[in-house]
Amino acid sequence: MFRRVLLVFILSFSVVMCGDGAKDAEVLDYRVSLPESDSAYLDLIPPEVVIPAHTEKMYCYYVTHQGEDLAVSTLEAKQGPFGHHLALLKATQVQEDGLLADCTDESAMGDLRTFVLPGIELPESNAIKITAGEQFVLQFHYVNAGRQDIRVRDLARLKLVDISTVDTWVNTFTTNSALVSVPAQSSGEVEFDCVLSEGLSLLVVGGHMHELGTRFDLAYGQSAESLTSIYNVDPWISQFRDSPPVTAMLSEPMFLEAGSLVRTSCAWTNATENDVVFPAEMCSAFGYLSGASNPFHCEETK
């Protein structure tokens, strides 16, 4: 019988540290507690890792769904202190099942696509489909600003719905720039365009930047001269890093015509003494598409 909880028993992966290293007793335990098995959820648990003090790390855990087809309405992401995000993604290239990879570098992002967005509940009869044998990627990001190493283990809870009740399948909408670079004691901007190859019905849309962000805008139009903002946050404040404003059009999705443009614009002010580049800062739009057979992903790369 299919188990709703995917408990991956885990080796502890530690990051190699300089010098003599820290004793295990000095590592702070920030692992989230694990719930009892619940048939209403599919629980995904990535391996434990140790994040050294004053270090930013992002890991990608590849796991293949071995059970029956499922319908998912939302993702509940649980992280410990210093956690930045826990995301459920897909990779364009299938990897060894159970692989844990360091994906902190911007080059790793080009192969990843958003799959299920955390904290956004789809309306009744709408769901995201997980098919038998499908591989997805749990990506967890930590910025350990503390003085001690931390041991972390996150939890992704996928809320399930009866697949027979689903009338509309939902897919993801994402734009992302890996070219974010803001010099020390300076301001910076990123602006890039995406052309829609087919018509899309936008159900939910939001933006993602970090603490240095000052303005985010997503605009749409038939040409570069006729763009109209469809999501704008000005000013962007540091609290939006983890809880950005989201525009939901659940009862009446916004139709984006084939051949039109979507422009993503981000601005930052860096008052620190250090240059800031991706992934310390980001410029991404995210959302859901109603009735789309494929996800939409546009990536600005070199």
C-alpha atoms as a PDB file:
ATOM      1  CA  MET A   1       0.000   0.000   0.000  1.00  0.00           C
ATOM      2  CA  PHE A   2       1.304   3.422  -0.944  1.00  0.00           C
ATOM      3  CA  ARG A   3       2.642   5.407   1.991  1.00  0.00           C
ATOM      4  CA  ARG A   4       1.869   9.114   1.985  1.00  0.00           C
ATOM      5  CA  VAL A   5       5.055   9.943   3.835  1.00  0.00           C
ATOM      6  CA  LEU A   6       8.290   9.723   1.929  1.00  0.00           C
ATOM      7  CA  LEU A   7      10.754   9.195   4.765  1.00  0.00           C
ATOM      8  CA  VAL A   8      14.195   9.171   3.341  1.00  0.00           C
ATOM      9  CA  PHE A   9      16.529   7.900   5.975  1.00  0.00           C
ATOM     10  CA  ILE A  10      19.415  10.018   5.976  1.00  0.00           C
ATOM     11  CA  LEU A  11      23.092  10.173   6.250  1.00  0.00           C
ATOM     12  CA  SER A  12      24.379  13.382   7.724  1.00  0.00           C
ATOM     13  CA  PHE A  13      26.233  15.484   5.170  1.00  0.00           C
ATOM     14  CA  SER A  14      28.728  17.891   6.691  1.00  0.00           C
ATOM     15  CA  VAL A  15      30.480  20.722   4.928  1.00  0.00           C
ATOM     16  CA  VAL A  16      34.279  20.533   5.197  1.00  0.00           C
ATOM     17  CA  MET A  17      35.591  23.338   7.354  1.00  0.00           C
ATOM     18  CA  CYS A  18      38.910  25.115   7.607  1.00  0.00           C
ATOM     19  CA  GLY A  19      41.378  24.625  10.449  1.00  0.00           C
ATOM     20  CA  ASP A  20      40.715  22.025  13.101  1.00  0.00           C
ATOM     21  CA  GLY A  21      36.960  22.233  12.584  1.00  0.00           C
ATOM     22  CA  ALA A  22      34.236  22.501  15.209  1.00  0.00           C
ATOM     23  CA  LYS A  23      33.342  19.730  17.589  1.00  0.00           C
ATOM     24  CA  ASP A  24      29.864  18.295  17.197  1.00  0.00           C
ATOM     25  CA  ALA A  25      28.877  19.642  20.617  1.00  0.00           C
ATOM     26  CA  GLU A  26      29.392  23.166  19.284  1.00  0.00           C
ATOM     27  CA  VAL A  27      26.981  22.686  16.410  1.00  0.00           C
ATOM     28  CA  LEU A  28      23.554  24.181  17.124  1.00  0.00           C
ATOM     29  CA  ASP A  29      20.684  21.807  16.374  1.00  0.00           C
ATOM     30  CA  TYR A  30      18.151  23.630  14.179  1.00  0.00           C
ATOM     31  CA  ARG A  31      16.495  20.550  12.679  1.00  0.00           C
ATOM     32  CA  VAL A  32      12.726  20.907  12.403  1.00  0.00           C
ATOM     33  CA  SER A  33      10.615  18.342  14.226  1.00  0.00           C
ATOM     34  CA  LEU A  34       8.954  15.685  12.079  1.00  0.00           C
ATOM     35  CA  PRO A  35       5.188  15.121  12.278  1.00  0.00           C
ATOM     36  CA  GLU A  36       3.267  11.882  12.577  1.00  0.00           C
ATOM     37  CA  SER A  37       2.269  10.260   9.304  1.00  0.00           C
ATOM     38  CA  ASP A  38      -0.847  11.917   7.868  1.00  0.00           C
ATOM     39  CA  SER A  39      -2.736  10.636   4.830  1.00  0.00           C
ATOM     40  CA  ALA A  40      -3.615  14.227   3.910  1.00  0.00           C
ATOM     41  CA  TYR A  41       0.026  15.041   3.169  1.00  0.00           C
ATOM     42  CA  LEU A  42       3.050  13.792   1.295  1.00  0.00           C
ATOM     43  CA  ASP A  43       6.026  14.669   3.497  1.00  0.00           C
ATOM     44  CA  LEU A  44       9.418  15.198   1.857  1.00  0.00           C
ATOM     45  CA  ILE A  45      12.479  15.301   4.088  1.00  0.00           C
ATOM     46  CA  PRO A  46      15.876  16.293   2.694  1.00  0.00           C
ATOM     47  CA  PRO A  47      19.109  15.066   4.320  1.00  0.00           C
ATOM     48  CA  GLU A  48      20.678  16.823   7.274  1.00  0.00           C
ATOM     49  CA  VAL A  49      23.568  19.167   6.590  1.00  0.00           C
ATOM     50  CA  VAL A  50      25.845  21.318   8.719  1.00  0.00           C
ATOM     51  CA  ILE A  51      26.106  24.955   7.644  1.00  0.00           C
ATOM     52  CA  PRO A  52      29.282  26.640   8.968  1.00  0.00           C
ATOM     53  CA  ALA A  53      29.067  29.984  10.734  1.00  0.00           C
ATOM     54  CA  HIS A  54      29.088  33.078   8.479  1.00  0.00           C
ATOM     55  CA  THR A  55      28.282  30.931   5.423  1.00  0.00           C
ATOM     56  CA  GLU A  56      25.574  30.926   2.762  1.00  0.00           C
ATOM     57  CA  LYS A  57      24.682  27.554   1.265  1.00  0.00           C
ATOM     58  CA  MET A  58      22.026  26.213  -1.080  1.00  0.00           C
ATOM     59  CA  TYR A  59      21.511  22.465  -1.572  1.00  0.00           C
ATOM     60  CA  CYS A  60      19.445  20.498  -4.080  1.00  0.00           C
ATOM     61  CA  TYR A  61      18.095  17.065  -3.176  1.00  0.00           C
ATOM     62  CA  TYR A  62      16.838  14.888  -6.059  1.00  0.00           C
ATOM     63  CA  VAL A  63      14.049  12.453  -5.213  1.00  0.00           C
ATOM     64  CA  THR A  64      11.821  10.305  -7.424  1.00  0.00           C
ATOM     65  CA  HIS A  65       8.144   9.791  -6.588  1.00  0.00           C
ATOM     66  CA  GLN A  66       7.567   6.035  -6.484  1.00  0.00           C
ATOM     67  CA  GLY A  67       3.846   6.017  -5.737  1.00  0.00           C
ATOM     68  CA  GLU A  68       0.623   6.628  -7.616  1.00  0.00           C
ATOM     69  CA  ASP A  69      -0.349   9.863  -9.353  1.00  0.00           C
ATOM     70  CA  LEU A  70      -1.198  12.614  -6.862  1.00  0.00           C
ATOM     71  CA  ALA A  71      -2.944  15.990  -6.842  1.00  0.00           C
ATOM     72  CA  VAL A  72      -1.377  18.747  -4.708  1.00  0.00           C
ATOM     73  CA  SER A  73      -2.993  22.013  -3.591  1.00  0.00           C
ATOM     74  CA  THR A  74      -0.123  23.670  -1.707  1.00  0.00           C
ATOM     75  CA  LEU A  75       3.329  23.293  -0.142  1.00  0.00           C
ATOM     76  CA  GLU A  76       3.925  23.942   3.550  1.00  0.00           C
ATOM     77  CA  ALA A  77       7.649  24.658   3.948  1.00  0.00           C
ATOM     78  CA  LYS A  78       9.262  24.337   7.378  1.00  0.00           C
ATOM     79  CA  GLN A  79      12.828  25.526   8.132  1.00  0.00           C
ATOM     80  CA  GLY A  80      14.924  26.332  11.161  1.00  0.00           C
ATOM     81  CA  PRO A  81      16.513  29.700  12.076  1.00  0.00           C
ATOM     82  CA  PHE A  82      18.633  31.235   9.279  1.00  0.00           C
ATOM     83  CA  GLY A  83      16.544  29.388   6.686  1.00  0.00           C
ATOM     84  CA  HIS A  84      15.963  31.489   3.567  1.00  0.00           C
ATOM     85  CA  HIS A  85      13.743  29.237   1.480  1.00  0.00           C
ATOM     86  CA  LEU A  86      12.640  25.671   0.885  1.00  0.00           C
ATOM     87  CA  ALA A  87      11.381  25.169  -2.669  1.00  0.00           C
ATOM     88  CA  LEU A  88      10.080  22.223  -4.652  1.00  0.00           C
ATOM     89  CA  LEU A  89      11.546  22.318  -8.157  1.00  0.00           C
ATOM     90  CA  LYS A  90      12.017  20.171 -11.232  1.00  0.00           C
ATOM     91  CA  ALA A  91      15.274  19.601 -13.077  1.00  0.00           C
ATOM     92  CA  THR A  92      15.588  19.579 -16.855  1.00  0.00           C
ATOM     93  CA  GLN A  93      17.998  16.636 -16.516  1.00  0.00           C
ATOM     94  CA  VAL A  94      17.181  13.590 -14.371  1.00  0.00           C
ATOM     95  CA  GLN A  95      19.857  12.815 -11.778  1.00  0.00           C
ATOM     96  CA  GLU A  96      20.629   9.836  -9.577  1.00  0.00           C
ATOM     97  CA  ASP A  97      17.787   9.333  -7.141  1.00  0.00           C
ATOM     98  CA  GLY A  98      18.784  10.573  -3.685  1.00  0.00           C
ATOM     99  CA  LEU A  99      21.560  12.860  -4.938  1.00  0.00           C
ATOM    100  CA  LEU A 100      22.370  15.786  -2.641  1.00  0.00           C
ATOM    101  CA  ALA A 101      24.185  18.513  -4.598  1.00  0.00           C
ATOM    102  CA  ASP A 102      25.609  21.879  -3.612  1.00  0.00           C
ATOM    103  CA  CYS A 103      23.704  24.270  -5.900  1.00  0.00           C
ATOM    104  CA  THR A 104      24.828  27.564  -4.377  1.00  0.00           C
ATOM    105  CA  ASP A 105      26.536  28.644  -7.595  1.00  0.00           C
ATOM    106  CA  GLU A 106      24.441  30.477 -10.194  1.00  0.00           C
ATOM    107  CA  SER A 107      25.375  27.918 -12.875  1.00  0.00           C
ATOM    108  CA  ALA A 108      23.194  25.313 -11.124  1.00  0.00           C
ATOM    109  CA  MET A 109      20.029  27.395 -11.478  1.00  0.00           C
ATOM    110  CA  GLY A 110      19.721  27.071 -15.242  1.00  0.00           C
ATOM    111  CA  ASP A 111      18.608  23.423 -14.980  1.00  0.00           C
ATOM    112  CA  LEU A 112      15.927  24.028 -12.334  1.00  0.00           C
ATOM    113  CA  ARG A 113      12.272  24.976 -12.725  1.00  0.00           C
ATOM    114  CA  THR A 114       9.671  25.899 -10.104  1.00  0.00           C
ATOM    115  CA  PHE A 115       7.179  23.095  -9.421  1.00  0.00           C
ATOM    116  CA  VAL A 116       5.039  23.868  -6.350  1.00  0.00           C
ATOM    117  CA  LEU A 117       4.965  27.283  -4.656  1.00  0.00           C
ATOM    118  CA  PRO A 118       5.030  27.407  -0.843  1.00  0.00           C
ATOM    119  CA  GLY A 119       2.207  29.028   1.088  1.00  0.00           C
ATOM    120  CA  ILE A 120      -0.254  29.504  -1.802  1.00  0.00           C
ATOM    121  CA  GLU A 121      -3.441  27.443  -1.585  1.00  0.00           C
ATOM    122  CA  LEU A 122      -5.068  26.685  -4.931  1.00  0.00           C
ATOM    123  CA  PRO A 123      -8.845  27.067  -5.262  1.00  0.00           C
ATOM    124  CA  GLU A 124     -11.150  24.082  -5.099  1.00  0.00           C
ATOM    125  CA  SER A 125     -10.964  21.718  -8.111  1.00  0.00           C
ATOM    126  CA  ASN A 126      -7.509  23.146  -9.063  1.00  0.00           C
ATOM    127  CA  ALA A 127      -4.306  21.212  -8.379  1.00  0.00           C
ATOM    128  CA  ILE A 128      -0.748  20.442  -9.447  1.00  0.00           C
ATOM    129  CA  LYS A 129      -0.164  16.910 -10.668  1.00  0.00           C
ATOM    130  CA  ILE A 130       2.644  14.633  -9.503  1.00  0.00           C
ATOM    131  CA  THR A 131       2.951  11.572 -11.723  1.00  0.00           C
ATOM    132  CA  ALA A 132       4.337   8.167 -10.860  1.00  0.00           C
ATOM    133  CA  GLY A 133       8.073   7.979 -11.517  1.00  0.00           C
ATOM    134  CA  GLU A 134       8.475  11.750 -11.692  1.00  0.00           C
ATOM    135  CA  GLN A 135      11.632  13.268 -10.197  1.00  0.00           C
ATOM    136  CA  PHE A 136      11.625  16.543  -8.350  1.00  0.00           C
ATOM    137  CA  VAL A 137      14.164  18.611  -6.452  1.00  0.00           C
ATOM    138  CA  LEU A 138      13.971  19.890  -2.899  1.00  0.00           C
ATOM    139  CA  GLN A 139      16.105  23.025  -2.761  1.00  0.00           C
ATOM    140  CA  PHE A 140      16.927  24.457   0.657  1.00  0.00           C
ATOM    141  CA  HIS A 141      18.817  27.704   1.212  1.00  0.00           C
ATOM    142  CA  TYR A 142      20.419  28.898   4.458  1.00  0.00           C
ATOM    143  CA  VAL A 143      22.307  32.062   5.326  1.00  0.00           C
ATOM    144  CA  ASN A 144      24.057  31.310   8.627  1.00  0.00           C
ATOM    145  CA  ALA A 145      24.831  34.777   9.964  1.00  0.00           C
ATOM    146  CA  GLY A 146      25.566  33.408  13.431  1.00  0.00           C
ATOM    147  CA  ARG A 147      28.841  32.623  15.182  1.00  0.00           C
ATOM    148  CA  GLN A 148      28.255  28.871  15.445  1.00  0.00           C
ATOM    149  CA  ASP A 149      27.774  26.091  12.933  1.00  0.00           C
ATOM    150  CA  ILE A 150      24.195  24.851  12.618  1.00  0.00           C
ATOM    151  CA  ARG A 151      22.734  21.432  11.822  1.00  0.00           C
ATOM    152  CA  VAL A 152      19.597  21.700   9.705  1.00  0.00           C
ATOM    153  CA  ARG A 153      16.917  19.367   8.384  1.00  0.00           C
ATOM    154  CA  ASP A 154      13.899  20.853   6.669  1.00  0.00           C
ATOM    155  CA  LEU A 155      10.428  19.532   5.956  1.00  0.00           C
ATOM    156  CA  ALA A 156       8.253  20.027   2.870  1.00  0.00           C
ATOM    157  CA  ARG A 157       4.598  19.042   3.386  1.00  0.00           C
ATOM    158  CA  LEU A 158       2.576  18.662   0.183  1.00  0.00           C
ATOM    159  CA  LYS A 159      -1.135  18.965   0.901  1.00  0.00           C
ATOM    160  CA  LEU A 160      -3.061  16.408  -1.138  1.00  0.00           C
ATOM    161  CA  VAL A 161      -6.535  16.542  -2.650  1.00  0.00           C
ATOM    162  CA  ASP A 162      -8.685  13.831  -4.172  1.00  0.00           C
ATOM    163  CA  ILE A 163      -7.450  13.548  -7.758  1.00  0.00           C
ATOM    164  CA  SER A 164     -10.970  12.701  -8.974  1.00  0.00           C
ATOM    165  CA  THR A 165     -12.195  16.167  -7.898  1.00  0.00           C
ATOM    166  CA  VAL A 166      -9.683  18.107 -10.030  1.00  0.00           C
ATOM    167  CA  ASP A 167     -11.150  19.976 -13.018  1.00  0.00           C
ATOM    168  CA  THR A 168      -8.190  22.263 -13.778  1.00  0.00           C
ATOM    169  CA  TRP A 169      -4.518  21.371 -13.667  1.00  0.00           C
ATOM    170  CA  VAL A 170      -2.181  24.188 -12.711  1.00  0.00           C
ATOM    171  CA  ASN A 171       1.397  24.814 -13.803  1.00  0.00           C
ATOM    172  CA  THR A 172       4.040  27.332 -12.786  1.00  0.00           C
ATOM    173  CA  PHE A 173       5.133  30.713 -14.126  1.00  0.00           C
ATOM    174  CA  THR A 174       8.687  31.923 -13.378  1.00  0.00           C
ATOM    175  CA  THR A 175      11.162  34.495 -14.604  1.00  0.00           C
ATOM    176  CA  ASN A 176      14.649  34.694 -13.144  1.00  0.00           C
ATOM    177  CA  SER A 177      17.941  36.533 -13.636  1.00  0.00           C
ATOM    178  CA  ALA A 178      21.249  34.912 -12.679  1.00  0.00           C
ATOM    179  CA  LEU A 179      23.075  38.155 -13.589  1.00  0.00           C
ATOM    180  CA  VAL A 180      22.371  40.077 -10.383  1.00  0.00           C
ATOM    181  CA  SER A 181      25.427  42.123  -9.361  1.00  0.00           C
ATOM    182  CA  VAL A 182      25.350  45.193  -7.106  1.00  0.00           C
ATOM    183  CA  PRO A 183      28.721  46.870  -6.339  1.00  0.00           C
ATOM    184  CA  ALA A 184      29.577  47.928  -2.802  1.00  0.00           C
ATOM    185  CA  GLN A 185      28.304  51.376  -1.771  1.00  0.00           C
ATOM    186  CA  SER A 186      26.243  51.585  -4.940  1.00  0.00           C
ATOM    187  CA  SER A 187      22.883  50.958  -6.572  1.00  0.00           C
ATOM    188  CA  GLY A 188      22.055  48.444  -9.272  1.00  0.00           C
ATOM    189  CA  GLU A 189      19.248  47.361 -11.583  1.00  0.00           C
ATOM    190  CA  VAL A 190      18.299  44.349 -13.683  1.00  0.00           C
ATOM    191  CA  GLU A 191      15.712  44.415 -16.469  1.00  0.00           C
ATOM    192  CA  PHE A 192      14.970  41.606 -18.918  1.00  0.00           C
ATOM    193  CA  ASP A 193      12.206  40.649 -21.344  1.00  0.00           C
ATOM    194  CA  CYS A 194      10.509  37.329 -22.018  1.00  0.00           C
ATOM    195  CA  VAL A 195       8.447  36.578 -25.129  1.00  0.00           C
ATOM    196  CA  LEU A 196       5.390  34.356 -24.680  1.00  0.00           C
ATOM    197  CA  SER A 197       5.271  31.580 -27.247  1.00  0.00           C
ATOM    198  CA  GLU A 198       1.678  30.705 -26.327  1.00  0.00           C
ATOM    199  CA  GLY A 199      -1.255  32.291 -24.517  1.00  0.00           C
ATOM    200  CA  LEU A 200      -1.196  31.907 -20.720  1.00  0.00           C
ATOM    201  CA  SER A 201      -3.833  32.361 -18.014  1.00  0.00           C
ATOM    202  CA  LEU A 202      -2.095  33.896 -14.999  1.00  0.00           C
ATOM    203  CA  LEU A 203      -3.701  32.762 -11.749  1.00  0.00           C
ATOM    204  CA  VAL A 204      -1.219  34.049  -9.140  1.00  0.00           C
ATOM    205  CA  VAL A 205       1.852  36.298  -9.413  1.00  0.00           C
ATOM    206  CA  GLY A 206       4.501  37.555  -6.994  1.00  0.00           C
ATOM    207  CA  GLY A 207       8.105  38.737  -6.875  1.00  0.00           C
ATOM    208  CA  HIS A 208      11.262  37.719  -5.069  1.00  0.00           C
ATOM    209  CA  MET A 209      14.243  39.821  -3.963  1.00  0.00           C
ATOM    210  CA  HIS A 210      16.272  39.979  -0.755  1.00  0.00           C
ATOM    211  CA  GLU A 211      17.075  42.657   1.849  1.00  0.00           C
ATOM    212  CA  LEU A 212      18.814  45.105  -0.484  1.00  0.00           C
ATOM    213  CA  GLY A 213      15.869  45.328  -2.881  1.00  0.00           C
ATOM    214  CA  THR A 214      14.159  48.683  -3.332  1.00  0.00           C
ATOM    215  CA  ARG A 215      11.736  48.134  -6.241  1.00  0.00           C
ATOM    216  CA  PHE A 216      10.188  45.195  -8.128  1.00  0.00           C
ATOM    217  CA  ASP A 217       8.028  45.385 -11.242  1.00  0.00           C
ATOM    218  CA  LEU A 218       6.513  42.897 -13.662  1.00  0.00           C
ATOM    219  CA  ALA A 219       5.026  44.455 -16.808  1.00  0.00           C
ATOM    220  CA  TYR A 220       3.103  43.032 -19.771  1.00  0.00           C
ATOM    221  CA  GLY A 221       2.274  44.276 -23.264  1.00  0.00           C
ATOM    222  CA  GLN A 222       2.206  43.619 -26.987  1.00  0.00           C
ATOM    223  CA  SER A 223       5.524  45.443 -27.440  1.00  0.00           C
ATOM    224  CA  ALA A 224       8.248  47.178 -25.441  1.00  0.00           C
ATOM    225  CA  GLU A 225       6.462  50.489 -26.072  1.00  0.00           C
ATOM    226  CA  SER A 226       3.083  49.361 -24.706  1.00  0.00           C
ATOM    227  CA  LEU A 227       4.007  47.687 -21.421  1.00  0.00           C
ATOM    228  CA  THR A 228       1.684  48.000 -18.423  1.00  0.00           C
ATOM    229  CA  SER A 229       2.622  46.977 -14.909  1.00  0.00           C
ATOM    230  CA  ILE A 230       0.714  43.922 -13.655  1.00  0.00           C
ATOM    231  CA  TYR A 231       2.655  43.522 -10.380  1.00  0.00           C
ATOM    232  CA  ASN A 232       4.544  46.354  -8.706  1.00  0.00           C
ATOM    233  CA  VAL A 233       6.123  46.666  -5.265  1.00  0.00           C
ATOM    234  CA  ASP A 234       7.667  50.091  -4.659  1.00  0.00           C
ATOM    235  CA  PRO A 235       9.162  50.405  -2.158  1.00  0.00           C
ATOM    236  CA  TRP A 236      10.360  46.857  -1.568  1.00  0.00           C
ATOM    237  CA  ILE A 237      11.220  46.311   2.098  1.00  0.00           C
ATOM    238  CA  SER A 238      13.485  43.701   3.704  1.00  0.00           C
ATOM    239  CA  GLN A 239      10.570  41.785   5.260  1.00  0.00           C
ATOM    240  CA  PHE A 240       9.357  40.903   1.764  1.00  0.00           C
ATOM    241  CA  ARG A 241      12.351  38.552   1.334  1.00  0.00           C
ATOM    242  CA  ASP A 242      10.431  35.744   3.045  1.00  0.00           C
ATOM    243  CA  SER A 243       6.850  37.016   2.693  1.00  0.00           C
ATOM    244  CA  PRO A 244       6.448  39.002  -0.533  1.00  0.00           C
ATOM    245  CA  PRO A 245       3.124  40.529  -1.554  1.00  0.00           C
ATOM    246  CA  VAL A 246       1.200  38.229  -3.900  1.00  0.00           C
ATOM    247  CA  THR A 247      -1.517  39.154  -6.387  1.00  0.00           C
ATOM    248  CA  ALA A 248      -4.140  36.416  -6.699  1.00  0.00           C
ATOM    249  CA  MET A 249      -6.625  36.294  -9.584  1.00  0.00           C
ATOM    250  CA  LEU A 250      -8.183  32.994  -8.532  1.00  0.00           C
ATOM    251  CA  SER A 251     -11.719  33.711  -9.727  1.00  0.00           C
ATOM    252  CA  GLU A 252     -10.706  35.483 -12.960  1.00  0.00           C
ATOM    253  CA  PRO A 253      -7.203  34.660 -14.261  1.00  0.00           C
ATOM    254  CA  MET A 254      -5.438  37.289 -16.393  1.00  0.00           C
ATOM    255  CA  PHE A 255      -4.922  36.135 -19.983  1.00  0.00           C
ATOM    256  CA  LEU A 256      -1.510  36.900 -21.504  1.00  0.00           C
ATOM    257  CA  GLU A 257      -1.556  36.693 -25.309  1.00  0.00           C
ATOM    258  CA  ALA A 258       0.899  34.698 -27.382  1.00  0.00           C
ATOM    259  CA  GLY A 259       3.671  36.855 -28.870  1.00  0.00           C
ATOM    260  CA  SER A 260       3.456  39.457 -26.114  1.00  0.00           C
ATOM    261  CA  LEU A 261       6.245  40.548 -23.755  1.00  0.00           C
ATOM    262  CA  VAL A 262       6.710  40.168 -20.023  1.00  0.00           C
ATOM    263  CA  ARG A 263       9.379  42.445 -18.531  1.00  0.00           C
ATOM    264  CA  THR A 264      10.905  41.804 -15.086  1.00  0.00           C
ATOM    265  CA  SER A 265      12.623  44.764 -13.395  1.00  0.00           C
ATOM    266  CA  CYS A 266      14.492  44.855 -10.071  1.00  0.00           C
ATOM    267  CA  ALA A 267      16.445  47.567  -8.263  1.00  0.00           C
ATOM    268  CA  TRP A 268      18.749  47.443  -5.224  1.00  0.00           C
ATOM    269  CA  THR A 269      20.773  49.743  -2.979  1.00  0.00           C
ATOM    270  CA  ASN A 270      23.924  48.200  -1.510  1.00  0.00           C
ATOM    271  CA  ALA A 271      25.204  50.236   1.454  1.00  0.00           C
ATOM    272  CA  THR A 272      27.645  47.499   2.525  1.00  0.00           C
ATOM    273  CA  GLU A 273      31.389  47.322   1.900  1.00  0.00           C
ATOM    274  CA  ASN A 274      31.062  44.181  -0.245  1.00  0.00           C
ATOM    275  CA  ASP A 275      29.843  43.543  -3.773  1.00  0.00           C
ATOM    276  CA  VAL A 276      26.630  41.496  -3.800  1.00  0.00           C
ATOM    277  CA  VAL A 277      25.907  38.933  -6.517  1.00  0.00           C
ATOM    278  CA  PHE A 278      23.468  36.076  -7.070  1.00  0.00           C
ATOM    279  CA  PRO A 279      22.308  34.214  -4.947  1.00  0.00           C
ATOM    280  CA  ALA A 280      22.900  36.715  -2.120  1.00  0.00           C
ATOM    281  CA  GLU A 281      20.466  38.890  -4.085  1.00  0.00           C
ATOM    282  CA  MET A 282      17.851  37.665  -6.550  1.00  0.00           C
ATOM    283  CA  CYS A 283      15.409  38.958  -9.145  1.00  0.00           C
ATOM    284  CA  SER A 284      12.588  36.501  -9.827  1.00  0.00           C
ATOM    285  CA  ALA A 285       8.890  36.518 -10.568  1.00  0.00           C
ATOM    286  CA  PHE A 286       6.780  33.519  -9.650  1.00  0.00           C
ATOM    287  CA  GLY A 287       3.214  32.455 -10.155  1.00  0.00           C
ATOM    288  CA  TYR A 288       0.686  29.862 -11.255  1.00  0.00           C
ATOM    289  CA  LEU A 289      -0.944  29.303 -14.634  1.00  0.00           C
ATOM    290  CA  SER A 290      -4.473  27.945 -14.938  1.00  0.00           C
ATOM    291  CA  GLY A 291      -4.985  25.086 -17.372  1.00  0.00           C
ATOM    292  CA  ALA A 292      -1.424  25.173 -18.746  1.00  0.00           C
ATOM    293  CA  SER A 293      -0.029  21.849 -19.953  1.00  0.00           C
ATOM    294  CA  ASN A 294       3.557  23.050 -19.452  1.00  0.00           C
ATOM    295  CA  PRO A 295       5.307  25.432 -17.060  1.00  0.00           C
ATOM    296  CA  PHE A 296       6.538  28.821 -18.288  1.00  0.00           C
ATOM    297  CA  HIS A 297      10.156  29.629 -17.387  1.00  0.00           C
ATOM    298  CA  CYS A 298      12.301  32.482 -18.664  1.00  0.00           C
ATOM    299  CA  GLU A 299      15.909  32.742 -17.487  1.00  0.00           C
ATOM    300  CA  GLU A 300      18.293  35.653 -18.068  1.00  0.00           C
ATOM    301  CA  THR A 301      21.787  34.216 -18.292  1.00  0.00           C
ATOM    302  CA  LYS A 302      25.113  35.252 -19.799  1.00  0.00           C
END
